């Protein structure tokens, strides 16, 4: 593993432990060259996933990009990072469980919306505004009205 600080390939694992309910291994590493310490995560990858964008373009699935998009929606919100990590891991497992190597971006967006709806209402609306491409204030109003109707139906 290359050191993120100095680029040396000479790093040593100092500690390993299960993470994400056993779905990954967290490793603490130390660089022999500069002494820098950093953490890596090792996860099982069942297959290479390819995302089919709305434009028809294909791109490799990027777990970190998924996490970043969720973190943007959660910016300045009080949330449990462990729950977010579990949500992302759950989405990735569900995508892999489809058995398909090509996944439409729409499916990923719907899974993120579903997860954020359970996690934080404000983040859910923020993500929806980008995902559903809100153009005017009335788009927010219509979306929020739909949320309230859904709550009334459940209650």
Protein backbone atom coordinates (compact mmCIF):
# COMPACT_ATOMS: atom_id res chain seq x y z
CA UNK A 1 0.00 0.00 0.00
CA UNK A 2 1.45 3.36 -1.02
CA UNK A 3 1.83 6.04 1.69
CA UNK A 4 -0.54 8.98 1.03
CA UNK A 5 1.99 11.38 2.57
CA UNK A 6 5.30 10.57 0.87
CA UNK A 7 4.37 7.99 -1.79
CA UNK A 8 6.61 5.23 -0.41
CA UNK A 9 5.55 1.63 -1.05
CA UNK A 10 7.08 0.51 2.27
CA UNK A 11 4.15 0.57 4.71
CA UNK A 12 3.32 -1.83 7.52
CA UNK A 13 -0.01 -2.92 8.97
CA UNK A 14 -0.06 -2.10 12.70
CA UNK A 15 -3.64 -3.15 13.51
CA UNK A 16 -6.52 -4.90 11.70
CA UNK A 17 -10.10 -5.25 12.81
CA UNK A 18 -13.51 -5.94 11.26
CA UNK A 19 -15.58 -2.90 10.27
CA UNK A 20 -19.05 -2.23 8.84
CA UNK A 21 -20.59 -5.24 10.60
CA UNK A 22 -17.90 -7.55 9.21
CA UNK A 23 -18.34 -6.39 5.61
CA UNK A 24 -14.83 -4.90 5.53
CA UNK A 25 -11.50 -4.87 7.34
CA UNK A 26 -10.09 -1.67 8.80
CA UNK A 27 -6.29 -1.53 8.81
CA UNK A 28 -4.08 1.00 10.60
CA UNK A 29 -0.84 1.40 8.68
CA UNK A 30 2.47 3.15 9.26
CA UNK A 31 4.96 4.30 6.64
CA UNK A 32 8.50 3.08 7.24
CA UNK A 33 9.92 6.01 5.25
CA UNK A 34 8.18 9.04 6.81
CA UNK A 35 6.46 7.57 9.88
CA UNK A 36 3.02 8.74 8.71
CA UNK A 37 0.00 6.77 9.98
CA UNK A 38 -3.15 6.21 7.96
CA UNK A 39 -6.18 3.93 7.77
CA UNK A 40 -7.28 1.74 4.87
CA UNK A 41 -10.42 -0.33 4.36
CA UNK A 42 -10.54 -3.63 2.52
CA UNK A 43 -13.91 -4.71 1.07
CA UNK A 44 -15.10 -7.65 -0.96
CA UNK A 45 -15.96 -6.71 -4.53
CA UNK A 46 -18.14 -9.31 -6.21
CA UNK A 47 -17.99 -7.81 -9.69
CA UNK A 48 -17.00 -4.68 -11.51
CA UNK A 49 -20.09 -2.50 -11.70
CA UNK A 50 -20.66 -0.05 -14.54
CA UNK A 51 -23.09 2.86 -14.19
CA UNK A 52 -25.23 3.75 -17.18
CA UNK A 53 -25.81 7.51 -16.98
CA UNK A 54 -28.99 9.24 -18.17
CA UNK A 55 -27.06 10.36 -21.26
CA UNK A 56 -26.26 6.73 -22.12
CA UNK A 57 -22.59 7.09 -21.21
CA UNK A 58 -21.03 4.35 -19.13
CA UNK A 59 -18.66 4.89 -16.20
CA UNK A 60 -17.16 2.58 -13.60
CA UNK A 61 -19.10 2.56 -10.33
CA UNK A 62 -17.25 4.61 -7.72
CA UNK A 63 -18.18 3.95 -4.08
CA UNK A 64 -16.34 7.09 -2.99
CA UNK A 65 -18.33 9.23 -5.44
CA UNK A 66 -21.54 7.78 -4.00
CA UNK A 67 -20.35 8.63 -0.48
CA UNK A 68 -19.38 12.17 -1.54
CA UNK A 69 -22.81 12.84 -3.06
CA UNK A 70 -24.48 11.72 0.16
CA UNK A 71 -22.11 13.84 2.26
CA UNK A 72 -22.98 16.91 0.16
CA UNK A 73 -26.66 16.37 0.99
CA UNK A 74 -25.76 15.96 4.68
CA UNK A 75 -23.51 19.04 4.84
CA UNK A 76 -24.05 21.02 8.07
CA UNK A 77 -26.49 18.40 9.36
CA UNK A 78 -26.11 16.40 12.57
CA UNK A 79 -25.75 12.76 11.56
CA UNK A 80 -24.08 9.54 12.66
CA UNK A 81 -21.19 8.74 10.27
CA UNK A 82 -21.55 5.04 11.07
CA UNK A 83 -25.17 5.06 9.83
CA UNK A 84 -24.06 6.76 6.61
CA UNK A 85 -21.33 4.14 6.11
CA UNK A 86 -23.88 1.38 6.71
CA UNK A 87 -26.26 3.00 4.22
CA UNK A 88 -23.57 3.19 1.52
CA UNK A 89 -22.44 -0.39 2.17
CA UNK A 90 -26.07 -1.53 1.99
CA UNK A 91 -26.57 0.23 -1.35
CA UNK A 92 -23.41 -1.35 -2.77
CA UNK A 93 -24.47 -4.82 -1.56
CA UNK A 94 -27.93 -4.35 -3.10
CA UNK A 95 -26.38 -3.26 -6.41
CA UNK A 96 -24.07 -6.28 -6.44
CA UNK A 97 -26.97 -8.57 -5.48
CA UNK A 98 -28.89 -7.57 -8.62
CA UNK A 99 -26.56 -9.87 -10.53
CA UNK A 100 -26.17 -7.23 -13.22
CA UNK A 101 -22.80 -5.71 -14.06
CA UNK A 102 -24.43 -2.62 -15.60
CA UNK A 103 -26.60 -0.49 -13.32
CA UNK A 104 -28.71 2.51 -14.37
CA UNK A 105 -27.90 5.68 -12.43
CA UNK A 106 -31.64 6.05 -11.80
CA UNK A 107 -31.62 2.91 -9.63
CA UNK A 108 -28.71 4.21 -7.58
CA UNK A 109 -30.46 7.57 -7.13
CA UNK A 110 -33.63 5.86 -5.93
CA UNK A 111 -31.66 3.78 -3.42
CA UNK A 112 -29.93 6.90 -2.10
CA UNK A 113 -33.27 8.73 -1.79
CA UNK A 114 -34.73 5.77 0.09
CA UNK A 115 -31.77 5.72 2.49
CA UNK A 116 -31.72 9.49 3.07
CA UNK A 117 -35.48 9.53 3.71
CA UNK A 118 -34.82 7.27 6.72
CA UNK A 119 -31.74 9.20 7.82
CA UNK A 120 -32.48 12.95 7.52
CA UNK A 121 -35.43 14.80 5.95
CA UNK A 122 -33.41 17.89 5.00
CA UNK A 123 -30.68 15.82 3.31
CA UNK A 124 -33.41 13.87 1.54
CA UNK A 125 -34.91 17.07 0.10
CA UNK A 126 -31.47 18.43 -0.84
CA UNK A 127 -30.58 15.24 -2.70
CA UNK A 128 -34.01 15.13 -4.35
CA UNK A 129 -33.60 18.70 -5.60
CA UNK A 130 -30.53 17.65 -7.59
CA UNK A 131 -31.67 14.13 -8.48
CA UNK A 132 -35.09 15.28 -9.71
CA UNK A 133 -33.59 18.43 -11.26
CA UNK A 134 -35.77 21.01 -9.49
CA UNK A 135 -35.78 24.22 -11.54
CA UNK A 136 -38.13 26.49 -9.58
CA UNK A 137 -39.30 27.04 -6.01
CA UNK A 138 -42.66 25.47 -6.89
CA UNK A 139 -40.83 22.18 -7.60
CA UNK A 140 -39.76 22.12 -3.94
CA UNK A 141 -43.32 22.89 -2.86
CA UNK A 142 -44.77 20.08 -4.93
CA UNK A 143 -42.15 17.64 -3.63
CA UNK A 144 -42.70 18.67 -0.01
CA UNK A 145 -46.46 18.43 -0.48
CA UNK A 146 -45.98 14.87 -1.70
CA UNK A 147 -43.85 14.10 1.36
CA UNK A 148 -46.58 15.40 3.69
CA UNK A 149 -49.25 13.36 1.90
CA UNK A 150 -47.10 10.24 2.29
CA UNK A 151 -46.77 10.92 6.03
CA UNK A 152 -50.54 11.36 6.37
CA UNK A 153 -51.18 8.07 4.54
CA UNK A 154 -48.75 6.21 6.82
CA UNK A 155 -50.11 7.82 10.04
